[in-house]
Amino acid sequence: MARWRDGHGSLLIHPDDGGPPLTVPLEIAASYRARTRGLLGRDAVEGALLLSPAGSVHTFAMRIPIDVAYLDRDLTVLALRTMPPGRLGLPRLRSRHVLEAAAGAMAGWGMRAGARVTVKPG
């Protein structure tokens, strides 16, 4: 799998029934600086933020609760969590990437553990 660069793109969430994927706006944070900043200081997030590489996250100094999806190398969702501000997420074994979105967004997208996603850089 190629390494991504900081920027924007699309996240495609593939449904279990084989139907067309759901497309979500995506911001990619691949550099150390972009991953460190993440969603800090934001009041909202449109779509999702991909942190790569990353195995865990925290919500210290965040203003909003977020949904967190831990992804393996093949972009399969390993686990999902909703984290309020001021929390430290435990590292996940086999996690290579982390997706962040506004709390409740991932449930609305139908994302669950075992789901596959695709990243399309913009």
PDB file of N, CA and C in Angstrom:
ATOM      1  N   MET A   1       0.837  -1.168   0.000  1.00  0.00           N
ATOM      2  CA  MET A   1       0.000   0.000   0.000  1.00  0.00           C
ATOM      3  C   MET A   1       0.889   1.241   0.000  1.00  0.00           C
ATOM      4  N   ALA A   2       0.592   2.184  -0.837  1.00  0.00           N
ATOM      5  CA  ALA A   2       1.373   3.414  -0.925  1.00  0.00           C
ATOM      6  C   ALA A   2       1.142   4.287   0.304  1.00  0.00           C
ATOM      7  N   ARG A   3       2.129   5.106   0.602  1.00  0.00           N
ATOM      8  CA  ARG A   3       1.967   6.069   1.694  1.00  0.00           C
ATOM      9  C   ARG A   3       1.230   7.279   1.186  1.00  0.00           C
ATOM     10  N   TRP A   4       0.357   7.804   2.013  1.00  0.00           N
ATOM     11  CA  TRP A   4      -0.401   8.986   1.644  1.00  0.00           C
ATOM     12  C   TRP A   4       0.358  10.241   2.045  1.00  0.00           C
ATOM     13  N   ARG A   5      -0.050  11.360   1.475  1.00  0.00           N
ATOM     14  CA  ARG A   5       0.470  12.679   1.841  1.00  0.00           C
ATOM     15  C   ARG A   5      -0.656  13.480   2.475  1.00  0.00           C
ATOM     16  N   ASP A   6      -0.289  14.504   3.240  1.00  0.00           N
ATOM     17  CA  ASP A   6      -1.295  15.389   3.818  1.00  0.00           C
ATOM     18  C   ASP A   6      -2.155  15.964   2.708  1.00  0.00           C
ATOM     19  N   GLY A   7      -3.434  16.050   2.954  1.00  0.00           N
ATOM     20  CA  GLY A   7      -4.326  16.629   1.959  1.00  0.00           C
ATOM     21  C   GLY A   7      -5.753  16.175   2.161  1.00  0.00           C
ATOM     22  N   HIS A   8      -6.512  16.198   1.095  1.00  0.00           N
ATOM     23  CA  HIS A   8      -7.928  15.842   1.131  1.00  0.00           C
ATOM     24  C   HIS A   8      -8.202  14.730   0.137  1.00  0.00           C
ATOM     25  N   GLY A   9      -9.308  14.068   0.341  1.00  0.00           N
ATOM     26  CA  GLY A   9      -9.716  12.991  -0.543  1.00  0.00           C
ATOM     27  C   GLY A   9     -11.100  12.518  -0.181  1.00  0.00           C
ATOM     28  N   SER A  10     -11.349  11.244  -0.432  1.00  0.00           N
ATOM     29  CA  SER A  10     -12.646  10.639  -0.135  1.00  0.00           C
ATOM     30  C   SER A  10     -12.436   9.317   0.579  1.00  0.00           C
ATOM     31  N   LEU A  11     -13.338   9.034   1.498  1.00  0.00           N
ATOM     32  CA  LEU A  11     -13.375   7.753   2.192  1.00  0.00           C
ATOM     33  C   LEU A  11     -14.572   6.993   1.643  1.00  0.00           C
ATOM     34  N   LEU A  12     -14.338   5.789   1.144  1.00  0.00           N
ATOM     35  CA  LEU A  12     -15.425   4.955   0.646  1.00  0.00           C
ATOM     36  C   LEU A  12     -15.673   3.845   1.647  1.00  0.00           C
ATOM     37  N   ILE A  13     -16.898   3.782   2.159  1.00  0.00           N
ATOM     38  CA  ILE A  13     -17.277   2.763   3.138  1.00  0.00           C
ATOM     39  C   ILE A  13     -18.097   1.721   2.397  1.00  0.00           C
ATOM     40  N   HIS A  14     -17.592   0.490   2.358  1.00  0.00           N
ATOM     41  CA  HIS A  14     -18.225  -0.579   1.594  1.00  0.00           C
ATOM     42  C   HIS A  14     -19.254  -1.305   2.455  1.00  0.00           C
ATOM     43  N   PRO A  15     -20.527  -1.316   2.031  1.00  0.00           N
ATOM     44  CA  PRO A  15     -21.571  -1.999   2.804  1.00  0.00           C
ATOM     45  C   PRO A  15     -21.459  -3.518   2.697  1.00  0.00           C
ATOM     46  N   ASP A  16     -22.022  -4.202   3.679  1.00  0.00           N
ATOM     47  CA  ASP A  16     -21.992  -5.668   3.702  1.00  0.00           C
ATOM     48  C   ASP A  16     -22.801  -6.295   2.575  1.00  0.00           C
ATOM     49  N   ASP A  17     -23.848  -5.600   2.118  1.00  0.00           N
ATOM     50  CA  ASP A  17     -24.739  -6.193   1.122  1.00  0.00           C
ATOM     51  C   ASP A  17     -24.203  -6.110  -0.302  1.00  0.00           C
ATOM     52  N   GLY A  18     -22.981  -5.569  -0.474  1.00  0.00           N
ATOM     53  CA  GLY A  18     -22.396  -5.489  -1.802  1.00  0.00           C
ATOM     54  C   GLY A  18     -22.887  -4.315  -2.635  1.00  0.00           C
ATOM     55  N   GLY A  19     -23.681  -3.452  -2.028  1.00  0.00           N
ATOM     56  CA  GLY A  19     -24.180  -2.279  -2.736  1.00  0.00           C
ATOM     57  C   GLY A  19     -23.072  -1.260  -2.956  1.00  0.00           C
ATOM     58  N   PRO A  20     -23.439  -0.129  -3.546  1.00  0.00           N
ATOM     59  CA  PRO A  20     -22.420   0.899  -3.815  1.00  0.00           C
ATOM     60  C   PRO A  20     -21.875   1.480  -2.509  1.00  0.00           C
ATOM     61  N   PRO A  21     -20.596   1.836  -2.490  1.00  0.00           N
ATOM     62  CA  PRO A  21     -20.010   2.379  -1.264  1.00  0.00           C
ATOM     63  C   PRO A  21     -20.522   3.784  -0.968  1.00  0.00           C
ATOM     64  N   LEU A  22     -20.544   4.117   0.313  1.00  0.00           N
ATOM     65  CA  LEU A  22     -20.881   5.462   0.767  1.00  0.00           C
ATOM     66  C   LEU A  22     -19.612   6.297   0.701  1.00  0.00           C
ATOM     67  N   THR A  23     -19.682   7.484   0.117  1.00  0.00           N
ATOM     68  CA  THR A  23     -18.518   8.358  -0.011  1.00  0.00           C
ATOM     69  C   THR A  23     -18.605   9.476   1.015  1.00  0.00           C
ATOM     70  N   VAL A  24     -17.519   9.653   1.773  1.00  0.00           N
ATOM     71  CA  VAL A  24     -17.445  10.650   2.843  1.00  0.00           C
ATOM     72  C   VAL A  24     -16.228  11.533   2.582  1.00  0.00           C
ATOM     73  N   PRO A  25     -16.350  12.871   2.737  1.00  0.00           N
ATOM     74  CA  PRO A  25     -15.176  13.734   2.595  1.00  0.00           C
ATOM     75  C   PRO A  25     -14.104  13.337   3.612  1.00  0.00           C
ATOM     76  N   LEU A  26     -12.845  13.382   3.187  1.00  0.00           N
ATOM     77  CA  LEU A  26     -11.754  12.905   4.031  1.00  0.00           C
ATOM     78  C   LEU A  26     -10.599  13.896   4.026  1.00  0.00           C
ATOM     79  N   GLU A  27     -10.047  14.136   5.200  1.00  0.00           N
ATOM     80  CA  GLU A  27      -8.804  14.880   5.343  1.00  0.00           C
ATOM     81  C   GLU A  27      -7.744  13.866   5.755  1.00  0.00           C
ATOM     82  N   ILE A  28      -6.592  13.901   5.097  1.00  0.00           N
ATOM     83  CA  ILE A  28      -5.516  12.948   5.377  1.00  0.00           C
ATOM     84  C   ILE A  28      -4.406  13.663   6.135  1.00  0.00           C
ATOM     85  N   ALA A  29      -4.029  13.093   7.278  1.00  0.00           N
ATOM     86  CA  ALA A  29      -2.922  13.616   8.089  1.00  0.00           C
ATOM     87  C   ALA A  29      -1.850  12.534   8.137  1.00  0.00           C
ATOM     88  N   ALA A  30      -0.858  12.650   7.265  1.00  0.00           N
ATOM     89  CA  ALA A  30       0.188  11.632   7.169  1.00  0.00           C
ATOM     90  C   ALA A  30       1.524  12.098   7.728  1.00  0.00           C
ATOM     91  N   SER A  31       1.746  13.398   7.799  1.00  0.00           N
ATOM     92  CA  SER A  31       3.007  13.904   8.353  1.00  0.00           C
ATOM     93  C   SER A  31       2.914  13.955   9.878  1.00  0.00           C
ATOM     94  N   TYR A  32       4.060  13.962  10.537  1.00  0.00           N
ATOM     95  CA  TYR A  32       4.076  14.026  11.995  1.00  0.00           C
ATOM     96  C   TYR A  32       3.329  15.263  12.483  1.00  0.00           C
ATOM     97  N   ARG A  33       3.586  16.389  11.854  1.00  0.00           N
ATOM     98  CA  ARG A  33       2.954  17.644  12.271  1.00  0.00           C
ATOM     99  C   ARG A  33       1.432  17.584  12.131  1.00  0.00           C
ATOM    100  N   ALA A  34       0.940  17.096  11.014  1.00  0.00           N
ATOM    101  CA  ALA A  34      -0.509  17.014  10.790  1.00  0.00           C
ATOM    102  C   ALA A  34      -1.162  16.014  11.737  1.00  0.00           C
ATOM    103  N   ARG A  35      -0.501  14.879  11.988  1.00  0.00           N
ATOM    104  CA  ARG A  35      -1.054  13.887  12.919  1.00  0.00           C
ATOM    105  C   ARG A  35      -1.101  14.445  14.330  1.00  0.00           C
ATOM    106  N   THR A  36      -0.075  15.192  14.734  1.00  0.00           N
ATOM    107  CA  THR A  36      -0.026  15.755  16.074  1.00  0.00           C
ATOM    108  C   THR A  36      -1.149  16.767  16.277  1.00  0.00           C
ATOM    109  N   ARG A  37      -1.428  17.563  15.264  1.00  0.00           N
ATOM    110  CA  ARG A  37      -2.492  18.562  15.375  1.00  0.00           C
ATOM    111  C   ARG A  37      -3.868  17.906  15.331  1.00  0.00           C
ATOM    112  N   GLY A  38      -4.076  16.982  14.419  1.00  0.00           N
ATOM    113  CA  GLY A  38      -5.354  16.273  14.325  1.00  0.00           C
ATOM    114  C   GLY A  38      -6.544  17.196  14.338  1.00  0.00           C
ATOM    115  N   LEU A  39      -7.475  16.949  15.242  1.00  0.00           N
ATOM    116  CA  LEU A  39      -8.683  17.759  15.356  1.00  0.00           C
ATOM    117  C   LEU A  39      -8.596  18.787  16.480  1.00  0.00           C
ATOM    118  N   LEU A  40      -7.411  18.969  17.056  1.00  0.00           N
ATOM    119  CA  LEU A  40      -7.266  19.918  18.157  1.00  0.00           C
ATOM    120  C   LEU A  40      -7.680  21.322  17.725  1.00  0.00           C
ATOM    121  N   GLY A  41      -8.430  21.984  18.585  1.00  0.00           N
ATOM    122  CA  GLY A  41      -8.836  23.353  18.331  1.00  0.00           C
ATOM    123  C   GLY A  41     -10.017  23.515  17.399  1.00  0.00           C
ATOM    124  N   ARG A  42     -10.599  22.438  16.931  1.00  0.00           N
ATOM    125  CA  ARG A  42     -11.739  22.541  16.011  1.00  0.00           C
ATOM    126  C   ARG A  42     -13.046  22.374  16.782  1.00  0.00           C
ATOM    127  N   ASP A  43     -14.064  23.084  16.293  1.00  0.00           N
ATOM    128  CA  ASP A  43     -15.394  22.968  16.889  1.00  0.00           C
ATOM    129  C   ASP A  43     -16.249  21.938  16.160  1.00  0.00           C
ATOM    130  N   ALA A  44     -15.813  21.523  14.986  1.00  0.00           N
ATOM    131  CA  ALA A  44     -16.565  20.555  14.183  1.00  0.00           C
ATOM    132  C   ALA A  44     -15.621  19.927  13.172  1.00  0.00           C
ATOM    133  N   VAL A  45     -16.051  18.814  12.609  1.00  0.00           N
ATOM    134  CA  VAL A  45     -15.295  18.172  11.543  1.00  0.00           C
ATOM    135  C   VAL A  45     -16.292  17.748  10.467  1.00  0.00           C
ATOM    136  N   GLU A  46     -15.966  18.072   9.224  1.00  0.00           N
ATOM    137  CA  GLU A  46     -16.813  17.649   8.117  1.00  0.00           C
ATOM    138  C   GLU A  46     -16.219  16.378   7.542  1.00  0.00           C
ATOM    139  N   GLY A  47     -16.980  15.314   7.566  1.00  0.00           N
ATOM    140  CA  GLY A  47     -16.457  14.044   7.083  1.00  0.00           C
ATOM    141  C   GLY A  47     -15.587  13.382   8.133  1.00  0.00           C
ATOM    142  N   ALA A  48     -14.386  12.966   7.717  1.00  0.00           N
ATOM    143  CA  ALA A  48     -13.499  12.219   8.610  1.00  0.00           C
ATOM    144  C   ALA A  48     -12.063  12.690   8.442  1.00  0.00           C
ATOM    145  N   LEU A  49     -11.249  12.373   9.428  1.00  0.00           N
ATOM    146  CA  LEU A  49      -9.815  12.652   9.410  1.00  0.00           C
ATOM    147  C   LEU A  49      -9.097  11.319   9.539  1.00  0.00           C
ATOM    148  N   LEU A  50      -8.188  11.031   8.607  1.00  0.00           N
ATOM    149  CA  LEU A  50      -7.387   9.809   8.650  1.00  0.00           C
ATOM    150  C   LEU A  50      -6.000  10.149   9.175  1.00  0.00           C
ATOM    151  N   LEU A  51      -5.601   9.504  10.267  1.00  0.00           N
ATOM    152  CA  LEU A  51      -4.257   9.638  10.821  1.00  0.00           C
ATOM    153  C   LEU A  51      -3.480   8.395  10.404  1.00  0.00           C
ATOM    154  N   SER A  52      -2.378   8.594   9.685  1.00  0.00           N
ATOM    155  CA  SER A  52      -1.618   7.450   9.195  1.00  0.00           C
ATOM    156  C   SER A  52      -0.134   7.773   9.143  1.00  0.00           C
ATOM    157  N   PRO A  53       0.695   6.963   9.754  1.00  0.00           N
ATOM    158  CA  PRO A  53       0.368   5.820  10.598  1.00  0.00           C
ATOM    159  C   PRO A  53      -0.030   6.271  11.996  1.00  0.00           C
ATOM    160  N   ALA A  54      -0.879   5.484  12.646  1.00  0.00           N
ATOM    161  CA  ALA A  54      -1.299   5.757  14.021  1.00  0.00           C
ATOM    162  C   ALA A  54      -1.904   4.494  14.610  1.00  0.00           C
ATOM    163  N   GLY A  55      -1.649   4.277  15.895  1.00  0.00           N
ATOM    164  CA  GLY A  55      -2.203   3.113  16.573  1.00  0.00           C
ATOM    165  C   GLY A  55      -3.093   3.472  17.736  1.00  0.00           C
ATOM    166  N   SER A  56      -3.050   4.758  18.140  1.00  0.00           N
ATOM    167  CA  SER A  56      -3.903   5.221  19.227  1.00  0.00           C
ATOM    168  C   SER A  56      -4.070   6.731  19.113  1.00  0.00           C
ATOM    169  N   VAL A  57      -5.025   7.274  19.872  1.00  0.00           N
ATOM    170  CA  VAL A  57      -5.290   8.713  19.858  1.00  0.00           C
ATOM    171  C   VAL A  57      -5.641   9.178  21.264  1.00  0.00           C
ATOM    172  N   HIS A  58      -5.669  10.482  21.432  1.00  0.00           N
ATOM    173  CA  HIS A  58      -6.150  11.076  22.680  1.00  0.00           C
ATOM    174  C   HIS A  58      -7.089  12.222  22.322  1.00  0.00           C
ATOM    175  N   THR A  59      -7.870  12.657  23.309  1.00  0.00           N
ATOM    176  CA  THR A  59      -8.770  13.782  23.082  1.00  0.00           C
ATOM    177  C   THR A  59      -8.485  14.922  24.061  1.00  0.00           C
ATOM    178  N   PHE A  60      -7.265  14.978  24.580  1.00  0.00           N
ATOM    179  CA  PHE A  60      -6.891  16.090  25.445  1.00  0.00           C
ATOM    180  C   PHE A  60      -6.931  17.376  24.636  1.00  0.00           C
ATOM    181  N   ALA A  61      -7.476  18.441  25.199  1.00  0.00           N
ATOM    182  CA  ALA A  61      -7.589  19.768  24.576  1.00  0.00           C
ATOM    183  C   ALA A  61      -8.549  19.791  23.388  1.00  0.00           C
ATOM    184  N   MET A  62      -9.346  18.742  23.213  1.00  0.00           N
ATOM    185  CA  MET A  62     -10.357  18.771  22.148  1.00  0.00           C
ATOM    186  C   MET A  62     -11.627  19.402  22.694  1.00  0.00           C
ATOM    187  N   ARG A  63     -12.396  19.983  21.797  1.00  0.00           N
ATOM    188  CA  ARG A  63     -13.626  20.675  22.179  1.00  0.00           C
ATOM    189  C   ARG A  63     -14.872  19.828  21.989  1.00  0.00           C
ATOM    190  N   ILE A  64     -14.762  18.771  21.196  1.00  0.00           N
ATOM    191  CA  ILE A  64     -15.929  17.971  20.848  1.00  0.00           C
ATOM    192  C   ILE A  64     -15.647  16.488  21.077  1.00  0.00           C
ATOM    193  N   PRO A  65     -16.681  15.693  21.379  1.00  0.00           N
ATOM    194  CA  PRO A  65     -16.490  14.237  21.415  1.00  0.00           C
ATOM    195  C   PRO A  65     -16.335  13.723  19.987  1.00  0.00           C
ATOM    196  N   ILE A  66     -15.593  12.634  19.828  1.00  0.00           N
ATOM    197  CA  ILE A  66     -15.346  12.103  18.486  1.00  0.00           C
ATOM    198  C   ILE A  66     -15.571  10.595  18.440  1.00  0.00           C
ATOM    199  N   ASP A  67     -15.868  10.110  17.249  1.00  0.00           N
ATOM    200  CA  ASP A  67     -15.851   8.683  16.955  1.00  0.00           C
ATOM    201  C   ASP A  67     -14.454   8.346  16.470  1.00  0.00           C
ATOM    202  N   VAL A  68     -13.953   7.196  16.890  1.00  0.00           N
ATOM    203  CA  VAL A  68     -12.622   6.741  16.487  1.00  0.00           C
ATOM    204  C   VAL A  68     -12.753   5.327  15.934  1.00  0.00           C
ATOM    205  N   ALA A  69     -12.201   5.104  14.748  1.00  0.00           N
ATOM    206  CA  ALA A  69     -12.155   3.766  14.147  1.00  0.00           C
ATOM    207  C   ALA A  69     -10.694   3.390  13.958  1.00  0.00           C
ATOM    208  N   TYR A  70     -10.305   2.257  14.502  1.00  0.00           N
ATOM    209  CA  TYR A  70      -8.948   1.730  14.348  1.00  0.00           C
ATOM    210  C   TYR A  70      -8.938   0.809  13.134  1.00  0.00           C
ATOM    211  N   LEU A  71      -8.008   1.045  12.201  1.00  0.00           N
ATOM    212  CA  LEU A  71      -7.941   0.271  10.958  1.00  0.00           C
ATOM    213  C   LEU A  71      -6.640  -0.516  10.890  1.00  0.00           C
ATOM    214  N   ASP A  72      -6.686  -1.705  10.285  1.00  0.00           N
ATOM    215  CA  ASP A  72      -5.458  -2.468  10.073  1.00  0.00           C
ATOM    216  C   ASP A  72      -4.829  -2.069   8.737  1.00  0.00           C
ATOM    217  N   ARG A  73      -3.774  -2.761   8.344  1.00  0.00           N
ATOM    218  CA  ARG A  73      -3.057  -2.433   7.098  1.00  0.00           C
ATOM    219  C   ARG A  73      -3.938  -2.539   5.857  1.00  0.00           C
ATOM    220  N   ASP A  74      -4.939  -3.418   5.909  1.00  0.00           N
ATOM    221  CA  ASP A  74      -5.832  -3.624   4.761  1.00  0.00           C
ATOM    222  C   ASP A  74      -7.051  -2.716   4.797  1.00  0.00           C
ATOM    223  N   LEU A  75      -7.072  -1.758   5.729  1.00  0.00           N
ATOM    224  CA  LEU A  75      -8.174  -0.812   5.899  1.00  0.00           C
ATOM    225  C   LEU A  75      -9.477  -1.496   6.308  1.00  0.00           C
ATOM    226  N   THR A  76      -9.342  -2.506   7.154  1.00  0.00           N
ATOM    227  CA  THR A  76     -10.493  -3.156   7.770  1.00  0.00           C
ATOM    228  C   THR A  76     -10.640  -2.579   9.171  1.00  0.00           C
ATOM    229  N   VAL A  77     -11.861  -2.247   9.557  1.00  0.00           N
ATOM    230  CA  VAL A  77     -12.114  -1.663  10.870  1.00  0.00           C
ATOM    231  C   VAL A  77     -11.930  -2.734  11.946  1.00  0.00           C
ATOM    232  N   LEU A  78     -10.998  -2.471  12.871  1.00  0.00           N
ATOM    233  CA  LEU A  78     -10.748  -3.389  13.978  1.00  0.00           C
ATOM    234  C   LEU A  78     -11.659  -3.108  15.159  1.00  0.00           C
ATOM    235  N   ALA A  79     -11.870  -1.829  15.460  1.00  0.00           N
ATOM    236  CA  ALA A  79     -12.687  -1.436  16.609  1.00  0.00           C
ATOM    237  C   ALA A  79     -13.180  -0.017  16.416  1.00  0.00           C
ATOM    238  N   LEU A  80     -14.298   0.286  17.055  1.00  0.00           N
ATOM    239  CA  LEU A  80     -14.883   1.630  17.041  1.00  0.00           C
ATOM    240  C   LEU A  80     -15.083   2.086  18.479  1.00  0.00           C
ATOM    241  N   ARG A  81     -14.849   3.371  18.723  1.00  0.00           N
ATOM    242  CA  ARG A  81     -15.062   3.956  20.042  1.00  0.00           C
ATOM    243  C   ARG A  81     -15.574   5.373  19.880  1.00  0.00           C
ATOM    244  N   THR A  82     -16.383   5.828  20.821  1.00  0.00           N
ATOM    245  CA  THR A  82     -16.729   7.240  20.933  1.00  0.00           C
ATOM    246  C   THR A  82     -15.983   7.753  22.151  1.00  0.00           C
ATOM    247  N   MET A  83     -15.217   8.825  21.960  1.00  0.00           N
ATOM    248  CA  MET A  83     -14.376   9.354  23.031  1.00  0.00           C
ATOM    249  C   MET A  83     -14.764  10.788  23.356  1.00  0.00           C
ATOM    250  N   PRO A  84     -15.102  11.069  24.619  1.00  0.00           N
ATOM    251  CA  PRO A  84     -15.344  12.455  25.019  1.00  0.00           C
ATOM    252  C   PRO A  84     -14.010  13.193  25.155  1.00  0.00           C
ATOM    253  N   PRO A  85     -14.041  14.519  25.212  1.00  0.00           N
ATOM    254  CA  PRO A  85     -12.795  15.266  25.407  1.00  0.00           C
ATOM    255  C   PRO A  85     -12.081  14.857  26.701  1.00  0.00           C
ATOM    256  N   GLY A  86     -10.754  14.938  26.672  1.00  0.00           N
ATOM    257  CA  GLY A  86      -9.956  14.659  27.863  1.00  0.00           C
ATOM    258  C   GLY A  86      -9.658  13.199  28.128  1.00  0.00           C
ATOM    259  N   ARG A  87      -9.700  12.357  27.118  1.00  0.00           N
ATOM    260  CA  ARG A  87      -9.460  10.919  27.293  1.00  0.00           C
ATOM    261  C   ARG A  87      -8.233  10.463  26.516  1.00  0.00           C
ATOM    262  N   LEU A  88      -7.673   9.353  26.960  1.00  0.00           N
ATOM    263  CA  LEU A  88      -6.550   8.708  26.281  1.00  0.00           C
ATOM    264  C   LEU A  88      -7.026   7.361  25.773  1.00  0.00           C
ATOM    265  N   GLY A  89      -6.958   7.157  24.463  1.00  0.00           N
ATOM    266  CA  GLY A  89      -7.360   5.879  23.885  1.00  0.00           C
ATOM    267  C   GLY A  89      -6.227   4.871  23.988  1.00  0.00           C
ATOM    268  N   LEU A  90      -6.559   3.649  24.343  1.00  0.00           N
ATOM    269  CA  LEU A  90      -5.541   2.605  24.433  1.00  0.00           C
ATOM    270  C   LEU A  90      -5.076   2.201  23.038  1.00  0.00           C
ATOM    271  N   PRO A  91      -3.788   1.878  22.882  1.00  0.00           N
ATOM    272  CA  PRO A  91      -3.310   1.392  21.579  1.00  0.00           C
ATOM    273  C   PRO A  91      -4.004   0.076  21.215  1.00  0.00           C
ATOM    274  N   ARG A  92      -4.246  -0.124  19.950  1.00  0.00           N
ATOM    275  CA  ARG A  92      -4.877  -1.347  19.445  1.00  0.00           C
ATOM    276  C   ARG A  92      -3.835  -2.189  18.724  1.00  0.00           C
ATOM    277  N   LEU A  93      -3.757  -3.457  19.071  1.00  0.00           N
ATOM    278  CA  LEU A  93      -2.877  -4.365  18.358  1.00  0.00           C
ATOM    279  C   LEU A  93      -3.310  -4.433  16.899  1.00  0.00           C
ATOM    280  N   ARG A  94      -2.361  -4.471  15.996  1.00  0.00           N
ATOM    281  CA  ARG A  94      -2.562  -4.551  14.546  1.00  0.00           C
ATOM    282  C   ARG A  94      -3.105  -3.272  13.934  1.00  0.00           C
ATOM    283  N   SER A  95      -3.342  -2.221  14.736  1.00  0.00           N
ATOM    284  CA  SER A  95      -3.845  -0.969  14.187  1.00  0.00           C
ATOM    285  C   SER A  95      -2.723  -0.230  13.473  1.00  0.00           C
ATOM    286  N   ARG A  96      -2.997   0.208  12.260  1.00  0.00           N
ATOM    287  CA  ARG A  96      -2.009   0.933  11.463  1.00  0.00           C
ATOM    288  C   ARG A  96      -2.485   2.354  11.147  1.00  0.00           C
ATOM    289  N   HIS A  97      -3.794   2.554  11.125  1.00  0.00           N
ATOM    290  CA  HIS A  97      -4.390   3.841  10.800  1.00  0.00           C
ATOM    291  C   HIS A  97      -5.548   4.103  11.756  1.00  0.00           C
ATOM    292  N   VAL A  98      -5.871   5.376  11.964  1.00  0.00           N
ATOM    293  CA  VAL A  98      -7.010   5.751  12.801  1.00  0.00           C
ATOM    294  C   VAL A  98      -7.854   6.772  12.049  1.00  0.00           C
ATOM    295  N   LEU A  99      -9.165   6.541  12.045  1.00  0.00           N
ATOM    296  CA  LEU A  99     -10.124   7.497  11.489  1.00  0.00           C
ATOM    297  C   LEU A  99     -10.813   8.213  12.633  1.00  0.00           C
ATOM    298  N   GLU A 100     -10.966   9.529  12.512  1.00  0.00           N
ATOM    299  CA  GLU A 100     -11.695  10.315  13.495  1.00  0.00           C
ATOM    300  C   GLU A 100     -12.827  11.047  12.784  1.00  0.00           C
ATOM    301  N   ALA A 101     -13.963  11.157  13.474  1.00  0.00           N
ATOM    302  CA  ALA A 101     -15.117  11.877  12.937  1.00  0.00           C
ATOM    303  C   ALA A 101     -15.930  12.403  14.112  1.00  0.00           C
ATOM    304  N   ALA A 102     -16.892  13.270  13.844  1.00  0.00           N
ATOM    305  CA  ALA A 102     -17.773  13.782  14.888  1.00  0.00           C
ATOM    306  C   ALA A 102     -18.514  12.609  15.538  1.00  0.00           C
ATOM    307  N   ALA A 103     -18.754  12.722  16.837  1.00  0.00           N
ATOM    308  CA  ALA A 103     -19.445  11.654  17.566  1.00  0.00           C
ATOM    309  C   ALA A 103     -20.790  11.355  16.908  1.00  0.00           C
ATOM    310  N   GLY A 104     -21.052  10.087  16.672  1.00  0.00           N
ATOM    311  CA  GLY A 104     -22.294   9.634  16.055  1.00  0.00           C
ATOM    312  C   GLY A 104     -22.239   9.515  14.543  1.00  0.00           C
ATOM    313  N   ALA A 105     -21.244  10.111  13.916  1.00  0.00           N
ATOM    314  CA  ALA A 105     -21.164  10.091  12.451  1.00  0.00           C
ATOM    315  C   ALA A 105     -20.960   8.676  11.915  1.00  0.00           C
ATOM    316  N   MET A 106     -20.069   7.919  12.529  1.00  0.00           N
ATOM    317  CA  MET A 106     -19.755   6.582  11.992  1.00  0.00           C
ATOM    318  C   MET A 106     -20.942   5.642  12.080  1.00  0.00           C
ATOM    319  N   ALA A 107     -21.731   5.752  13.140  1.00  0.00           N
ATOM    320  CA  ALA A 107     -22.947   4.936  13.229  1.00  0.00           C
ATOM    321  C   ALA A 107     -23.906   5.307  12.102  1.00  0.00           C
ATOM    322  N   GLY A 108     -24.001   6.595  11.796  1.00  0.00           N
ATOM    323  CA  GLY A 108     -24.848   7.050  10.701  1.00  0.00           C
ATOM    324  C   GLY A 108     -24.383   6.557   9.346  1.00  0.00           C
ATOM    325  N   TRP A 109     -23.080   6.329   9.218  1.00  0.00           N
ATOM    326  CA  TRP A 109     -22.523   5.813   7.964  1.00  0.00           C
ATOM    327  C   TRP A 109     -22.650   4.297   7.859  1.00  0.00           C
ATOM    328  N   GLY A 110     -23.069   3.638   8.938  1.00  0.00           N
ATOM    329  CA  GLY A 110     -23.167   2.184   8.948  1.00  0.00           C
ATOM    330  C   GLY A 110     -21.834   1.497   9.162  1.00  0.00           C
ATOM    331  N   MET A 111     -20.854   2.209   9.691  1.00  0.00           N
ATOM    332  CA  MET A 111     -19.533   1.625   9.924  1.00  0.00           C
ATOM    333  C   MET A 111     -19.583   0.742  11.172  1.00  0.00           C
ATOM    334  N   ARG A 112     -18.920  -0.400  11.107  1.00  0.00           N
ATOM    335  CA  ARG A 112     -18.864  -1.350  12.222  1.00  0.00           C
ATOM    336  C   ARG A 112     -17.545  -2.106  12.156  1.00  0.00           C
ATOM    337  N   ALA A 113     -17.211  -2.798  13.227  1.00  0.00           N
ATOM    338  CA  ALA A 113     -16.016  -3.624  13.237  1.00  0.00           C
ATOM    339  C   ALA A 113     -16.135  -4.678  12.131  1.00  0.00           C
ATOM    340  N   GLY A 114     -15.076  -4.860  11.365  1.00  0.00           N
ATOM    341  CA  GLY A 114     -15.068  -5.802  10.257  1.00  0.00           C
ATOM    342  C   GLY A 114     -15.369  -5.166   8.909  1.00  0.00           C
ATOM    343  N   ALA A 115     -15.872  -3.932   8.913  1.00  0.00           N
ATOM    344  CA  ALA A 115     -16.161  -3.234   7.654  1.00  0.00           C
ATOM    345  C   ALA A 115     -14.869  -2.887   6.930  1.00  0.00           C
ATOM    346  N   ARG A 116     -14.945  -2.792   5.624  1.00  0.00           N
ATOM    347  CA  ARG A 116     -13.787  -2.400   4.811  1.00  0.00           C
ATOM    348  C   ARG A 116     -14.015  -0.993   4.277  1.00  0.00           C
ATOM    349  N   VAL A 117     -12.923  -0.235   4.232  1.00  0.00           N
ATOM    350  CA  VAL A 117     -12.998   1.120   3.670  1.00  0.00           C
ATOM    351  C   VAL A 117     -11.886   1.261   2.626  1.00  0.00           C
ATOM    352  N   THR A 118     -12.056   2.247   1.773  1.00  0.00           N
ATOM    353  CA  THR A 118     -11.059   2.582   0.761  1.00  0.00           C
ATOM    354  C   THR A 118     -10.788   4.065   0.850  1.00  0.00           C
ATOM    355  N   VAL A 119      -9.516   4.447   0.674  1.00  0.00           N
ATOM    356  CA  VAL A 119      -9.119   5.854   0.689  1.00  0.00           C
ATOM    357  C   VAL A 119      -8.764   6.264  -0.729  1.00  0.00           C
ATOM    358  N   LYS A 120      -9.394   7.340  -1.190  1.00  0.00           N
ATOM    359  CA  LYS A 120      -9.105   7.906  -2.514  1.00  0.00           C
ATOM    360  C   LYS A 120      -8.515   9.291  -2.297  1.00  0.00           C
ATOM    361  N   PRO A 121      -7.172   9.432  -2.405  1.00  0.00           N
ATOM    362  CA  PRO A 121      -6.587  10.764  -2.251  1.00  0.00           C
ATOM    363  C   PRO A 121      -7.137  11.711  -3.311  1.00  0.00           C
ATOM    364  N   GLY A 122      -7.274  12.984  -2.920  1.00  0.00           N
ATOM    365  CA  GLY A 122      -7.891  13.965  -3.798  1.00  0.00           C
ATOM    366  C   GLY A 122      -6.951  14.620  -4.702  1.00  0.00           C
TER     367      GLY A 122
END
